[in-house]
């Protein structure tokens, strides 16, 4: 869902931010 909503320039950062919620 995050990859399909994101723009291609910052897509990696957005998906990584979703995954970073594990740290919190």
PDBML (XML) file of the C-alpha atoms, coordinates in Angstrom:
<?xml version="1.0" encoding="UTF-8" ?>
<PDBx:datablock datablockName="MODEL"
   xmlns:PDBx="http://pdbml.pdb.org/schema/pdbx-v50.xsd"
   xmlns:xsi="http://www.w3.org/2001/XMLSchema-instance"
   xsi:schemaLocation="http://pdbml.pdb.org/schema/pdbx-v50.xsd pdbx-v50.xsd">
   <PDBx:atom_siteCategory>
      <PDBx:atom_site id="1">
         <PDBx:B_iso_or_equiv>0.00</PDBx:B_iso_or_equiv>
         <PDBx:Cartn_x>0.000</PDBx:Cartn_x>
         <PDBx:Cartn_y>0.000</PDBx:Cartn_y>
         <PDBx:Cartn_z>0.000</PDBx:Cartn_z>
         <PDBx:auth_asym_id>A</PDBx:auth_asym_id>
         <PDBx:auth_atom_id>CA</PDBx:auth_atom_id>
         <PDBx:auth_comp_id>UNK</PDBx:auth_comp_id>
         <PDBx:auth_seq_id>1</PDBx:auth_seq_id>
         <PDBx:group_PDB>ATOM</PDBx:group_PDB>
         <PDBx:label_alt_id xsi:nil="true" />
         <PDBx:label_asym_id>A</PDBx:label_asym_id>
         <PDBx:label_atom_id>CA</PDBx:label_atom_id>
         <PDBx:label_comp_id>UNK</PDBx:label_comp_id>
         <PDBx:label_entity_id>1</PDBx:label_entity_id>
         <PDBx:label_seq_id>1</PDBx:label_seq_id>
         <PDBx:occupancy>1.00</PDBx:occupancy>
         <PDBx:pdbx_PDB_model_num>1</PDBx:pdbx_PDB_model_num>
         <PDBx:type_symbol>C</PDBx:type_symbol>
      </PDBx:atom_site>
      <PDBx:atom_site id="2">
         <PDBx:B_iso_or_equiv>0.00</PDBx:B_iso_or_equiv>
         <PDBx:Cartn_x>2.780</PDBx:Cartn_x>
         <PDBx:Cartn_y>2.434</PDBx:Cartn_y>
         <PDBx:Cartn_z>0.863</PDBx:Cartn_z>
         <PDBx:auth_asym_id>A</PDBx:auth_asym_id>
         <PDBx:auth_atom_id>CA</PDBx:auth_atom_id>
         <PDBx:auth_comp_id>UNK</PDBx:auth_comp_id>
         <PDBx:auth_seq_id>2</PDBx:auth_seq_id>
         <PDBx:group_PDB>ATOM</PDBx:group_PDB>
         <PDBx:label_alt_id xsi:nil="true" />
         <PDBx:label_asym_id>A</PDBx:label_asym_id>
         <PDBx:label_atom_id>CA</PDBx:label_atom_id>
         <PDBx:label_comp_id>UNK</PDBx:label_comp_id>
         <PDBx:label_entity_id>1</PDBx:label_entity_id>
         <PDBx:label_seq_id>2</PDBx:label_seq_id>
         <PDBx:occupancy>1.00</PDBx:occupancy>
         <PDBx:pdbx_PDB_model_num>1</PDBx:pdbx_PDB_model_num>
         <PDBx:type_symbol>C</PDBx:type_symbol>
      </PDBx:atom_site>
      <PDBx:atom_site id="3">
         <PDBx:B_iso_or_equiv>0.00</PDBx:B_iso_or_equiv>
         <PDBx:Cartn_x>4.719</PDBx:Cartn_x>
         <PDBx:Cartn_y>1.638</PDBx:Cartn_y>
         <PDBx:Cartn_z>-2.311</PDBx:Cartn_z>
         <PDBx:auth_asym_id>A</PDBx:auth_asym_id>
         <PDBx:auth_atom_id>CA</PDBx:auth_atom_id>
         <PDBx:auth_comp_id>UNK</PDBx:auth_comp_id>
         <PDBx:auth_seq_id>3</PDBx:auth_seq_id>
         <PDBx:group_PDB>ATOM</PDBx:group_PDB>
         <PDBx:label_alt_id xsi:nil="true" />
         <PDBx:label_asym_id>A</PDBx:label_asym_id>
         <PDBx:label_atom_id>CA</PDBx:label_atom_id>
         <PDBx:label_comp_id>UNK</PDBx:label_comp_id>
         <PDBx:label_entity_id>1</PDBx:label_entity_id>
         <PDBx:label_seq_id>3</PDBx:label_seq_id>
         <PDBx:occupancy>1.00</PDBx:occupancy>
         <PDBx:pdbx_PDB_model_num>1</PDBx:pdbx_PDB_model_num>
         <PDBx:type_symbol>C</PDBx:type_symbol>
      </PDBx:atom_site>
      <PDBx:atom_site id="4">
         <PDBx:B_iso_or_equiv>0.00</PDBx:B_iso_or_equiv>
         <PDBx:Cartn_x>1.630</PDBx:Cartn_x>
         <PDBx:Cartn_y>2.128</PDBx:Cartn_y>
         <PDBx:Cartn_z>-4.470</PDBx:Cartn_z>
         <PDBx:auth_asym_id>A</PDBx:auth_asym_id>
         <PDBx:auth_atom_id>CA</PDBx:auth_atom_id>
         <PDBx:auth_comp_id>UNK</PDBx:auth_comp_id>
         <PDBx:auth_seq_id>4</PDBx:auth_seq_id>
         <PDBx:group_PDB>ATOM</PDBx:group_PDB>
         <PDBx:label_alt_id xsi:nil="true" />
         <PDBx:label_asym_id>A</PDBx:label_asym_id>
         <PDBx:label_atom_id>CA</PDBx:label_atom_id>
         <PDBx:label_comp_id>UNK</PDBx:label_comp_id>
         <PDBx:label_entity_id>1</PDBx:label_entity_id>
         <PDBx:label_seq_id>4</PDBx:label_seq_id>
         <PDBx:occupancy>1.00</PDBx:occupancy>
         <PDBx:pdbx_PDB_model_num>1</PDBx:pdbx_PDB_model_num>
         <PDBx:type_symbol>C</PDBx:type_symbol>
      </PDBx:atom_site>
      <PDBx:atom_site id="5">
         <PDBx:B_iso_or_equiv>0.00</PDBx:B_iso_or_equiv>
         <PDBx:Cartn_x>0.703</PDBx:Cartn_x>
         <PDBx:Cartn_y>5.467</PDBx:Cartn_y>
         <PDBx:Cartn_z>-2.863</PDBx:Cartn_z>
         <PDBx:auth_asym_id>A</PDBx:auth_asym_id>
         <PDBx:auth_atom_id>CA</PDBx:auth_atom_id>
         <PDBx:auth_comp_id>UNK</PDBx:auth_comp_id>
         <PDBx:auth_seq_id>5</PDBx:auth_seq_id>
         <PDBx:group_PDB>ATOM</PDBx:group_PDB>
         <PDBx:label_alt_id xsi:nil="true" />
         <PDBx:label_asym_id>A</PDBx:label_asym_id>
         <PDBx:label_atom_id>CA</PDBx:label_atom_id>
         <PDBx:label_comp_id>UNK</PDBx:label_comp_id>
         <PDBx:label_entity_id>1</PDBx:label_entity_id>
         <PDBx:label_seq_id>5</PDBx:label_seq_id>
         <PDBx:occupancy>1.00</PDBx:occupancy>
         <PDBx:pdbx_PDB_model_num>1</PDBx:pdbx_PDB_model_num>
         <PDBx:type_symbol>C</PDBx:type_symbol>
      </PDBx:atom_site>
      <PDBx:atom_site id="6">
         <PDBx:B_iso_or_equiv>0.00</PDBx:B_iso_or_equiv>
         <PDBx:Cartn_x>4.216</PDBx:Cartn_x>
         <PDBx:Cartn_y>6.960</PDBx:Cartn_y>
         <PDBx:Cartn_z>-2.862</PDBx:Cartn_z>
         <PDBx:auth_asym_id>A</PDBx:auth_asym_id>
         <PDBx:auth_atom_id>CA</PDBx:auth_atom_id>
         <PDBx:auth_comp_id>UNK</PDBx:auth_comp_id>
         <PDBx:auth_seq_id>6</PDBx:auth_seq_id>
         <PDBx:group_PDB>ATOM</PDBx:group_PDB>
         <PDBx:label_alt_id xsi:nil="true" />
         <PDBx:label_asym_id>A</PDBx:label_asym_id>
         <PDBx:label_atom_id>CA</PDBx:label_atom_id>
         <PDBx:label_comp_id>UNK</PDBx:label_comp_id>
         <PDBx:label_entity_id>1</PDBx:label_entity_id>
         <PDBx:label_seq_id>6</PDBx:label_seq_id>
         <PDBx:occupancy>1.00</PDBx:occupancy>
         <PDBx:pdbx_PDB_model_num>1</PDBx:pdbx_PDB_model_num>
         <PDBx:type_symbol>C</PDBx:type_symbol>
      </PDBx:atom_site>
      <PDBx:atom_site id="7">
         <PDBx:B_iso_or_equiv>0.00</PDBx:B_iso_or_equiv>
         <PDBx:Cartn_x>5.955</PDBx:Cartn_x>
         <PDBx:Cartn_y>8.945</PDBx:Cartn_y>
         <PDBx:Cartn_z>-5.585</PDBx:Cartn_z>
         <PDBx:auth_asym_id>A</PDBx:auth_asym_id>
         <PDBx:auth_atom_id>CA</PDBx:auth_atom_id>
         <PDBx:auth_comp_id>UNK</PDBx:auth_comp_id>
         <PDBx:auth_seq_id>7</PDBx:auth_seq_id>
         <PDBx:group_PDB>ATOM</PDBx:group_PDB>
         <PDBx:label_alt_id xsi:nil="true" />
         <PDBx:label_asym_id>A</PDBx:label_asym_id>
         <PDBx:label_atom_id>CA</PDBx:label_atom_id>
         <PDBx:label_comp_id>UNK</PDBx:label_comp_id>
         <PDBx:label_entity_id>1</PDBx:label_entity_id>
         <PDBx:label_seq_id>7</PDBx:label_seq_id>
         <PDBx:occupancy>1.00</PDBx:occupancy>
         <PDBx:pdbx_PDB_model_num>1</PDBx:pdbx_PDB_model_num>
         <PDBx:type_symbol>C</PDBx:type_symbol>
      </PDBx:atom_site>
      <PDBx:atom_site id="8">
         <PDBx:B_iso_or_equiv>0.00</PDBx:B_iso_or_equiv>
         <PDBx:Cartn_x>8.977</PDBx:Cartn_x>
         <PDBx:Cartn_y>7.314</PDBx:Cartn_y>
         <PDBx:Cartn_z>-7.176</PDBx:Cartn_z>
         <PDBx:auth_asym_id>A</PDBx:auth_asym_id>
         <PDBx:auth_atom_id>CA</PDBx:auth_atom_id>
         <PDBx:auth_comp_id>UNK</PDBx:auth_comp_id>
         <PDBx:auth_seq_id>8</PDBx:auth_seq_id>
         <PDBx:group_PDB>ATOM</PDBx:group_PDB>
         <PDBx:label_alt_id xsi:nil="true" />
         <PDBx:label_asym_id>A</PDBx:label_asym_id>
         <PDBx:label_atom_id>CA</PDBx:label_atom_id>
         <PDBx:label_comp_id>UNK</PDBx:label_comp_id>
         <PDBx:label_entity_id>1</PDBx:label_entity_id>
         <PDBx:label_seq_id>8</PDBx:label_seq_id>
         <PDBx:occupancy>1.00</PDBx:occupancy>
         <PDBx:pdbx_PDB_model_num>1</PDBx:pdbx_PDB_model_num>
         <PDBx:type_symbol>C</PDBx:type_symbol>
      </PDBx:atom_site>
      <PDBx:atom_site id="9">
         <PDBx:B_iso_or_equiv>0.00</PDBx:B_iso_or_equiv>
         <PDBx:Cartn_x>11.446</PDBx:Cartn_x>
         <PDBx:Cartn_y>9.918</PDBx:Cartn_y>
         <PDBx:Cartn_z>-5.895</PDBx:Cartn_z>
         <PDBx:auth_asym_id>A</PDBx:auth_asym_id>
         <PDBx:auth_atom_id>CA</PDBx:auth_atom_id>
         <PDBx:auth_comp_id>UNK</PDBx:auth_comp_id>
         <PDBx:auth_seq_id>9</PDBx:auth_seq_id>
         <PDBx:group_PDB>ATOM</PDBx:group_PDB>
         <PDBx:label_alt_id xsi:nil="true" />
         <PDBx:label_asym_id>A</PDBx:label_asym_id>
         <PDBx:label_atom_id>CA</PDBx:label_atom_id>
         <PDBx:label_comp_id>UNK</PDBx:label_comp_id>
         <PDBx:label_entity_id>1</PDBx:label_entity_id>
         <PDBx:label_seq_id>9</PDBx:label_seq_id>
         <PDBx:occupancy>1.00</PDBx:occupancy>
         <PDBx:pdbx_PDB_model_num>1</PDBx:pdbx_PDB_model_num>
         <PDBx:type_symbol>C</PDBx:type_symbol>
      </PDBx:atom_site>
      <PDBx:atom_site id="10">
         <PDBx:B_iso_or_equiv>0.00</PDBx:B_iso_or_equiv>
         <PDBx:Cartn_x>10.791</PDBx:Cartn_x>
         <PDBx:Cartn_y>9.258</PDBx:Cartn_y>
         <PDBx:Cartn_z>-2.180</PDBx:Cartn_z>
         <PDBx:auth_asym_id>A</PDBx:auth_asym_id>
         <PDBx:auth_atom_id>CA</PDBx:auth_atom_id>
         <PDBx:auth_comp_id>UNK</PDBx:auth_comp_id>
         <PDBx:auth_seq_id>10</PDBx:auth_seq_id>
         <PDBx:group_PDB>ATOM</PDBx:group_PDB>
         <PDBx:label_alt_id xsi:nil="true" />
         <PDBx:label_asym_id>A</PDBx:label_asym_id>
         <PDBx:label_atom_id>CA</PDBx:label_atom_id>
         <PDBx:label_comp_id>UNK</PDBx:label_comp_id>
         <PDBx:label_entity_id>1</PDBx:label_entity_id>
         <PDBx:label_seq_id>10</PDBx:label_seq_id>
         <PDBx:occupancy>1.00</PDBx:occupancy>
         <PDBx:pdbx_PDB_model_num>1</PDBx:pdbx_PDB_model_num>
         <PDBx:type_symbol>C</PDBx:type_symbol>
      </PDBx:atom_site>
      <PDBx:atom_site id="11">
         <PDBx:B_iso_or_equiv>0.00</PDBx:B_iso_or_equiv>
         <PDBx:Cartn_x>9.127</PDBx:Cartn_x>
         <PDBx:Cartn_y>5.836</PDBx:Cartn_y>
         <PDBx:Cartn_z>-2.319</PDBx:Cartn_z>
         <PDBx:auth_asym_id>A</PDBx:auth_asym_id>
         <PDBx:auth_atom_id>CA</PDBx:auth_atom_id>
         <PDBx:auth_comp_id>UNK</PDBx:auth_comp_id>
         <PDBx:auth_seq_id>11</PDBx:auth_seq_id>
         <PDBx:group_PDB>ATOM</PDBx:group_PDB>
         <PDBx:label_alt_id xsi:nil="true" />
         <PDBx:label_asym_id>A</PDBx:label_asym_id>
         <PDBx:label_atom_id>CA</PDBx:label_atom_id>
         <PDBx:label_comp_id>UNK</PDBx:label_comp_id>
         <PDBx:label_entity_id>1</PDBx:label_entity_id>
         <PDBx:label_seq_id>11</PDBx:label_seq_id>
         <PDBx:occupancy>1.00</PDBx:occupancy>
         <PDBx:pdbx_PDB_model_num>1</PDBx:pdbx_PDB_model_num>
         <PDBx:type_symbol>C</PDBx:type_symbol>
      </PDBx:atom_site>
      <PDBx:atom_site id="12">
         <PDBx:B_iso_or_equiv>0.00</PDBx:B_iso_or_equiv>
         <PDBx:Cartn_x>11.995</PDBx:Cartn_x>
         <PDBx:Cartn_y>4.066</PDBx:Cartn_y>
         <PDBx:Cartn_z>-0.547</PDBx:Cartn_z>
         <PDBx:auth_asym_id>A</PDBx:auth_asym_id>
         <PDBx:auth_atom_id>CA</PDBx:auth_atom_id>
         <PDBx:auth_comp_id>UNK</PDBx:auth_comp_id>
         <PDBx:auth_seq_id>12</PDBx:auth_seq_id>
         <PDBx:group_PDB>ATOM</PDBx:group_PDB>
         <PDBx:label_alt_id xsi:nil="true" />
         <PDBx:label_asym_id>A</PDBx:label_asym_id>
         <PDBx:label_atom_id>CA</PDBx:label_atom_id>
         <PDBx:label_comp_id>UNK</PDBx:label_comp_id>
         <PDBx:label_entity_id>1</PDBx:label_entity_id>
         <PDBx:label_seq_id>12</PDBx:label_seq_id>
         <PDBx:occupancy>1.00</PDBx:occupancy>
         <PDBx:pdbx_PDB_model_num>1</PDBx:pdbx_PDB_model_num>
         <PDBx:type_symbol>C</PDBx:type_symbol>
      </PDBx:atom_site>
      <PDBx:atom_site id="13">
         <PDBx:B_iso_or_equiv>0.00</PDBx:B_iso_or_equiv>
         <PDBx:Cartn_x>11.988</PDBx:Cartn_x>
         <PDBx:Cartn_y>6.571</PDBx:Cartn_y>
         <PDBx:Cartn_z>2.320</PDBx:Cartn_z>
         <PDBx:auth_asym_id>A</PDBx:auth_asym_id>
         <PDBx:auth_atom_id>CA</PDBx:auth_atom_id>
         <PDBx:auth_comp_id>UNK</PDBx:auth_comp_id>
         <PDBx:auth_seq_id>13</PDBx:auth_seq_id>
         <PDBx:group_PDB>ATOM</PDBx:group_PDB>
         <PDBx:label_alt_id xsi:nil="true" />
         <PDBx:label_asym_id>A</PDBx:label_asym_id>
         <PDBx:label_atom_id>CA</PDBx:label_atom_id>
         <PDBx:label_comp_id>UNK</PDBx:label_comp_id>
         <PDBx:label_entity_id>1</PDBx:label_entity_id>
         <PDBx:label_seq_id>13</PDBx:label_seq_id>
         <PDBx:occupancy>1.00</PDBx:occupancy>
         <PDBx:pdbx_PDB_model_num>1</PDBx:pdbx_PDB_model_num>
         <PDBx:type_symbol>C</PDBx:type_symbol>
      </PDBx:atom_site>
      <PDBx:atom_site id="14">
         <PDBx:B_iso_or_equiv>0.00</PDBx:B_iso_or_equiv>
         <PDBx:Cartn_x>8.233</PDBx:Cartn_x>
         <PDBx:Cartn_y>6.206</PDBx:Cartn_y>
         <PDBx:Cartn_z>2.801</PDBx:Cartn_z>
         <PDBx:auth_asym_id>A</PDBx:auth_asym_id>
         <PDBx:auth_atom_id>CA</PDBx:auth_atom_id>
         <PDBx:auth_comp_id>UNK</PDBx:auth_comp_id>
         <PDBx:auth_seq_id>14</PDBx:auth_seq_id>
         <PDBx:group_PDB>ATOM</PDBx:group_PDB>
         <PDBx:label_alt_id xsi:nil="true" />
         <PDBx:label_asym_id>A</PDBx:label_asym_id>
         <PDBx:label_atom_id>CA</PDBx:label_atom_id>
         <PDBx:label_comp_id>UNK</PDBx:label_comp_id>
         <PDBx:label_entity_id>1</PDBx:label_entity_id>
         <PDBx:label_seq_id>14</PDBx:label_seq_id>
         <PDBx:occupancy>1.00</PDBx:occupancy>
         <PDBx:pdbx_PDB_model_num>1</PDBx:pdbx_PDB_model_num>
         <PDBx:type_symbol>C</PDBx:type_symbol>
      </PDBx:atom_site>
      <PDBx:atom_site id="15">
         <PDBx:B_iso_or_equiv>0.00</PDBx:B_iso_or_equiv>
         <PDBx:Cartn_x>8.312</PDBx:Cartn_x>
         <PDBx:Cartn_y>2.401</PDBx:Cartn_y>
         <PDBx:Cartn_z>2.923</PDBx:Cartn_z>
         <PDBx:auth_asym_id>A</PDBx:auth_asym_id>
         <PDBx:auth_atom_id>CA</PDBx:auth_atom_id>
         <PDBx:auth_comp_id>UNK</PDBx:auth_comp_id>
         <PDBx:auth_seq_id>15</PDBx:auth_seq_id>
         <PDBx:group_PDB>ATOM</PDBx:group_PDB>
         <PDBx:label_alt_id xsi:nil="true" />
         <PDBx:label_asym_id>A</PDBx:label_asym_id>
         <PDBx:label_atom_id>CA</PDBx:label_atom_id>
         <PDBx:label_comp_id>UNK</PDBx:label_comp_id>
         <PDBx:label_entity_id>1</PDBx:label_entity_id>
         <PDBx:label_seq_id>15</PDBx:label_seq_id>
         <PDBx:occupancy>1.00</PDBx:occupancy>
         <PDBx:pdbx_PDB_model_num>1</PDBx:pdbx_PDB_model_num>
         <PDBx:type_symbol>C</PDBx:type_symbol>
      </PDBx:atom_site>
      <PDBx:atom_site id="16">
         <PDBx:B_iso_or_equiv>0.00</PDBx:B_iso_or_equiv>
         <PDBx:Cartn_x>11.347</PDBx:Cartn_x>
         <PDBx:Cartn_y>2.524</PDBx:Cartn_y>
         <PDBx:Cartn_z>5.224</PDBx:Cartn_z>
         <PDBx:auth_asym_id>A</PDBx:auth_asym_id>
         <PDBx:auth_atom_id>CA</PDBx:auth_atom_id>
         <PDBx:auth_comp_id>UNK</PDBx:auth_comp_id>
         <PDBx:auth_seq_id>16</PDBx:auth_seq_id>
         <PDBx:group_PDB>ATOM</PDBx:group_PDB>
         <PDBx:label_alt_id xsi:nil="true" />
         <PDBx:label_asym_id>A</PDBx:label_asym_id>
         <PDBx:label_atom_id>CA</PDBx:label_atom_id>
         <PDBx:label_comp_id>UNK</PDBx:label_comp_id>
         <PDBx:label_entity_id>1</PDBx:label_entity_id>
         <PDBx:label_seq_id>16</PDBx:label_seq_id>
         <PDBx:occupancy>1.00</PDBx:occupancy>
         <PDBx:pdbx_PDB_model_num>1</PDBx:pdbx_PDB_model_num>
         <PDBx:type_symbol>C</PDBx:type_symbol>
      </PDBx:atom_site>
      <PDBx:atom_site id="17">
         <PDBx:B_iso_or_equiv>0.00</PDBx:B_iso_or_equiv>
         <PDBx:Cartn_x>9.476</PDBx:Cartn_x>
         <PDBx:Cartn_y>4.958</PDBx:Cartn_y>
         <PDBx:Cartn_z>7.493</PDBx:Cartn_z>
         <PDBx:auth_asym_id>A</PDBx:auth_asym_id>
         <PDBx:auth_atom_id>CA</PDBx:auth_atom_id>
         <PDBx:auth_comp_id>UNK</PDBx:auth_comp_id>
         <PDBx:auth_seq_id>17</PDBx:auth_seq_id>
         <PDBx:group_PDB>ATOM</PDBx:group_PDB>
         <PDBx:label_alt_id xsi:nil="true" />
         <PDBx:label_asym_id>A</PDBx:label_asym_id>
         <PDBx:label_atom_id>CA</PDBx:label_atom_id>
         <PDBx:label_comp_id>UNK</PDBx:label_comp_id>
         <PDBx:label_entity_id>1</PDBx:label_entity_id>
         <PDBx:label_seq_id>17</PDBx:label_seq_id>
         <PDBx:occupancy>1.00</PDBx:occupancy>
         <PDBx:pdbx_PDB_model_num>1</PDBx:pdbx_PDB_model_num>
         <PDBx:type_symbol>C</PDBx:type_symbol>
      </PDBx:atom_site>
      <PDBx:atom_site id="18">
         <PDBx:B_iso_or_equiv>0.00</PDBx:B_iso_or_equiv>
         <PDBx:Cartn_x>6.607</PDBx:Cartn_x>
         <PDBx:Cartn_y>2.448</PDBx:Cartn_y>
         <PDBx:Cartn_z>7.737</PDBx:Cartn_z>
         <PDBx:auth_asym_id>A</PDBx:auth_asym_id>
         <PDBx:auth_atom_id>CA</PDBx:auth_atom_id>
         <PDBx:auth_comp_id>UNK</PDBx:auth_comp_id>
         <PDBx:auth_seq_id>18</PDBx:auth_seq_id>
         <PDBx:group_PDB>ATOM</PDBx:group_PDB>
         <PDBx:label_alt_id xsi:nil="true" />
         <PDBx:label_asym_id>A</PDBx:label_asym_id>
         <PDBx:label_atom_id>CA</PDBx:label_atom_id>
         <PDBx:label_comp_id>UNK</PDBx:label_comp_id>
         <PDBx:label_entity_id>1</PDBx:label_entity_id>
         <PDBx:label_seq_id>18</PDBx:label_seq_id>
         <PDBx:occupancy>1.00</PDBx:occupancy>
         <PDBx:pdbx_PDB_model_num>1</PDBx:pdbx_PDB_model_num>
         <PDBx:type_symbol>C</PDBx:type_symbol>
      </PDBx:atom_site>
      <PDBx:atom_site id="19">
         <PDBx:B_iso_or_equiv>0.00</PDBx:B_iso_or_equiv>
         <PDBx:Cartn_x>9.070</PDBx:Cartn_x>
         <PDBx:Cartn_y>-0.263</PDBx:Cartn_y>
         <PDBx:Cartn_z>8.697</PDBx:Cartn_z>
         <PDBx:auth_asym_id>A</PDBx:auth_asym_id>
         <PDBx:auth_atom_id>CA</PDBx:auth_atom_id>
         <PDBx:auth_comp_id>UNK</PDBx:auth_comp_id>
         <PDBx:auth_seq_id>19</PDBx:auth_seq_id>
         <PDBx:group_PDB>ATOM</PDBx:group_PDB>
         <PDBx:label_alt_id xsi:nil="true" />
         <PDBx:label_asym_id>A</PDBx:label_asym_id>
         <PDBx:label_atom_id>CA</PDBx:label_atom_id>
         <PDBx:label_comp_id>UNK</PDBx:label_comp_id>
         <PDBx:label_entity_id>1</PDBx:label_entity_id>
         <PDBx:label_seq_id>19</PDBx:label_seq_id>
         <PDBx:occupancy>1.00</PDBx:occupancy>
         <PDBx:pdbx_PDB_model_num>1</PDBx:pdbx_PDB_model_num>
         <PDBx:type_symbol>C</PDBx:type_symbol>
      </PDBx:atom_site>
      <PDBx:atom_site id="20">
         <PDBx:B_iso_or_equiv>0.00</PDBx:B_iso_or_equiv>
         <PDBx:Cartn_x>10.854</PDBx:Cartn_x>
         <PDBx:Cartn_y>2.046</PDBx:Cartn_y>
         <PDBx:Cartn_z>11.147</PDBx:Cartn_z>
         <PDBx:auth_asym_id>A</PDBx:auth_asym_id>
         <PDBx:auth_atom_id>CA</PDBx:auth_atom_id>
         <PDBx:auth_comp_id>UNK</PDBx:auth_comp_id>
         <PDBx:auth_seq_id>20</PDBx:auth_seq_id>
         <PDBx:group_PDB>ATOM</PDBx:group_PDB>
         <PDBx:label_alt_id xsi:nil="true" />
         <PDBx:label_asym_id>A</PDBx:label_asym_id>
         <PDBx:label_atom_id>CA</PDBx:label_atom_id>
         <PDBx:label_comp_id>UNK</PDBx:label_comp_id>
         <PDBx:label_entity_id>1</PDBx:label_entity_id>
         <PDBx:label_seq_id>20</PDBx:label_seq_id>
         <PDBx:occupancy>1.00</PDBx:occupancy>
         <PDBx:pdbx_PDB_model_num>1</PDBx:pdbx_PDB_model_num>
         <PDBx:type_symbol>C</PDBx:type_symbol>
      </PDBx:atom_site>
      <PDBx:atom_site id="21">
         <PDBx:B_iso_or_equiv>0.00</PDBx:B_iso_or_equiv>
         <PDBx:Cartn_x>7.755</PDBx:Cartn_x>
         <PDBx:Cartn_y>1.922</PDBx:Cartn_y>
         <PDBx:Cartn_z>13.321</PDBx:Cartn_z>
         <PDBx:auth_asym_id>A</PDBx:auth_asym_id>
         <PDBx:auth_atom_id>CA</PDBx:auth_atom_id>
         <PDBx:auth_comp_id>UNK</PDBx:auth_comp_id>
         <PDBx:auth_seq_id>21</PDBx:auth_seq_id>
         <PDBx:group_PDB>ATOM</PDBx:group_PDB>
         <PDBx:label_alt_id xsi:nil="true" />
         <PDBx:label_asym_id>A</PDBx:label_asym_id>
         <PDBx:label_atom_id>CA</PDBx:label_atom_id>
         <PDBx:label_comp_id>UNK</PDBx:label_comp_id>
         <PDBx:label_entity_id>1</PDBx:label_entity_id>
         <PDBx:label_seq_id>21</PDBx:label_seq_id>
         <PDBx:occupancy>1.00</PDBx:occupancy>
         <PDBx:pdbx_PDB_model_num>1</PDBx:pdbx_PDB_model_num>
         <PDBx:type_symbol>C</PDBx:type_symbol>
      </PDBx:atom_site>
      <PDBx:atom_site id="22">
         <PDBx:B_iso_or_equiv>0.00</PDBx:B_iso_or_equiv>
         <PDBx:Cartn_x>9.212</PDBx:Cartn_x>
         <PDBx:Cartn_y>-1.361</PDBx:Cartn_y>
         <PDBx:Cartn_z>14.549</PDBx:Cartn_z>
         <PDBx:auth_asym_id>A</PDBx:auth_asym_id>
         <PDBx:auth_atom_id>CA</PDBx:auth_atom_id>
         <PDBx:auth_comp_id>UNK</PDBx:auth_comp_id>
         <PDBx:auth_seq_id>22</PDBx:auth_seq_id>
         <PDBx:group_PDB>ATOM</PDBx:group_PDB>
         <PDBx:label_alt_id xsi:nil="true" />
         <PDBx:label_asym_id>A</PDBx:label_asym_id>
         <PDBx:label_atom_id>CA</PDBx:label_atom_id>
         <PDBx:label_comp_id>UNK</PDBx:label_comp_id>
         <PDBx:label_entity_id>1</PDBx:label_entity_id>
         <PDBx:label_seq_id>22</PDBx:label_seq_id>
         <PDBx:occupancy>1.00</PDBx:occupancy>
         <PDBx:pdbx_PDB_model_num>1</PDBx:pdbx_PDB_model_num>
         <PDBx:type_symbol>C</PDBx:type_symbol>
      </PDBx:atom_site>
      <PDBx:atom_site id="23">
         <PDBx:B_iso_or_equiv>0.00</PDBx:B_iso_or_equiv>
         <PDBx:Cartn_x>11.902</PDBx:Cartn_x>
         <PDBx:Cartn_y>0.606</PDBx:Cartn_y>
         <PDBx:Cartn_z>16.341</PDBx:Cartn_z>
         <PDBx:auth_asym_id>A</PDBx:auth_asym_id>
         <PDBx:auth_atom_id>CA</PDBx:auth_atom_id>
         <PDBx:auth_comp_id>UNK</PDBx:auth_comp_id>
         <PDBx:auth_seq_id>23</PDBx:auth_seq_id>
         <PDBx:group_PDB>ATOM</PDBx:group_PDB>
         <PDBx:label_alt_id xsi:nil="true" />
         <PDBx:label_asym_id>A</PDBx:label_asym_id>
         <PDBx:label_atom_id>CA</PDBx:label_atom_id>
         <PDBx:label_comp_id>UNK</PDBx:label_comp_id>
         <PDBx:label_entity_id>1</PDBx:label_entity_id>
         <PDBx:label_seq_id>23</PDBx:label_seq_id>
         <PDBx:occupancy>1.00</PDBx:occupancy>
         <PDBx:pdbx_PDB_model_num>1</PDBx:pdbx_PDB_model_num>
         <PDBx:type_symbol>C</PDBx:type_symbol>
      </PDBx:atom_site>
      <PDBx:atom_site id="24">
         <PDBx:B_iso_or_equiv>0.00</PDBx:B_iso_or_equiv>
         <PDBx:Cartn_x>9.330</PDBx:Cartn_x>
         <PDBx:Cartn_y>2.661</PDBx:Cartn_y>
         <PDBx:Cartn_z>18.201</PDBx:Cartn_z>
         <PDBx:auth_asym_id>A</PDBx:auth_asym_id>
         <PDBx:auth_atom_id>CA</PDBx:auth_atom_id>
         <PDBx:auth_comp_id>UNK</PDBx:auth_comp_id>
         <PDBx:auth_seq_id>24</PDBx:auth_seq_id>
         <PDBx:group_PDB>ATOM</PDBx:group_PDB>
         <PDBx:label_alt_id xsi:nil="true" />
         <PDBx:label_asym_id>A</PDBx:label_asym_id>
         <PDBx:label_atom_id>CA</PDBx:label_atom_id>
         <PDBx:label_comp_id>UNK</PDBx:label_comp_id>
         <PDBx:label_entity_id>1</PDBx:label_entity_id>
         <PDBx:label_seq_id>24</PDBx:label_seq_id>
         <PDBx:occupancy>1.00</PDBx:occupancy>
         <PDBx:pdbx_PDB_model_num>1</PDBx:pdbx_PDB_model_num>
         <PDBx:type_symbol>C</PDBx:type_symbol>
      </PDBx:atom_site>
   </PDBx:atom_siteCategory>
</PDBx:datablock>
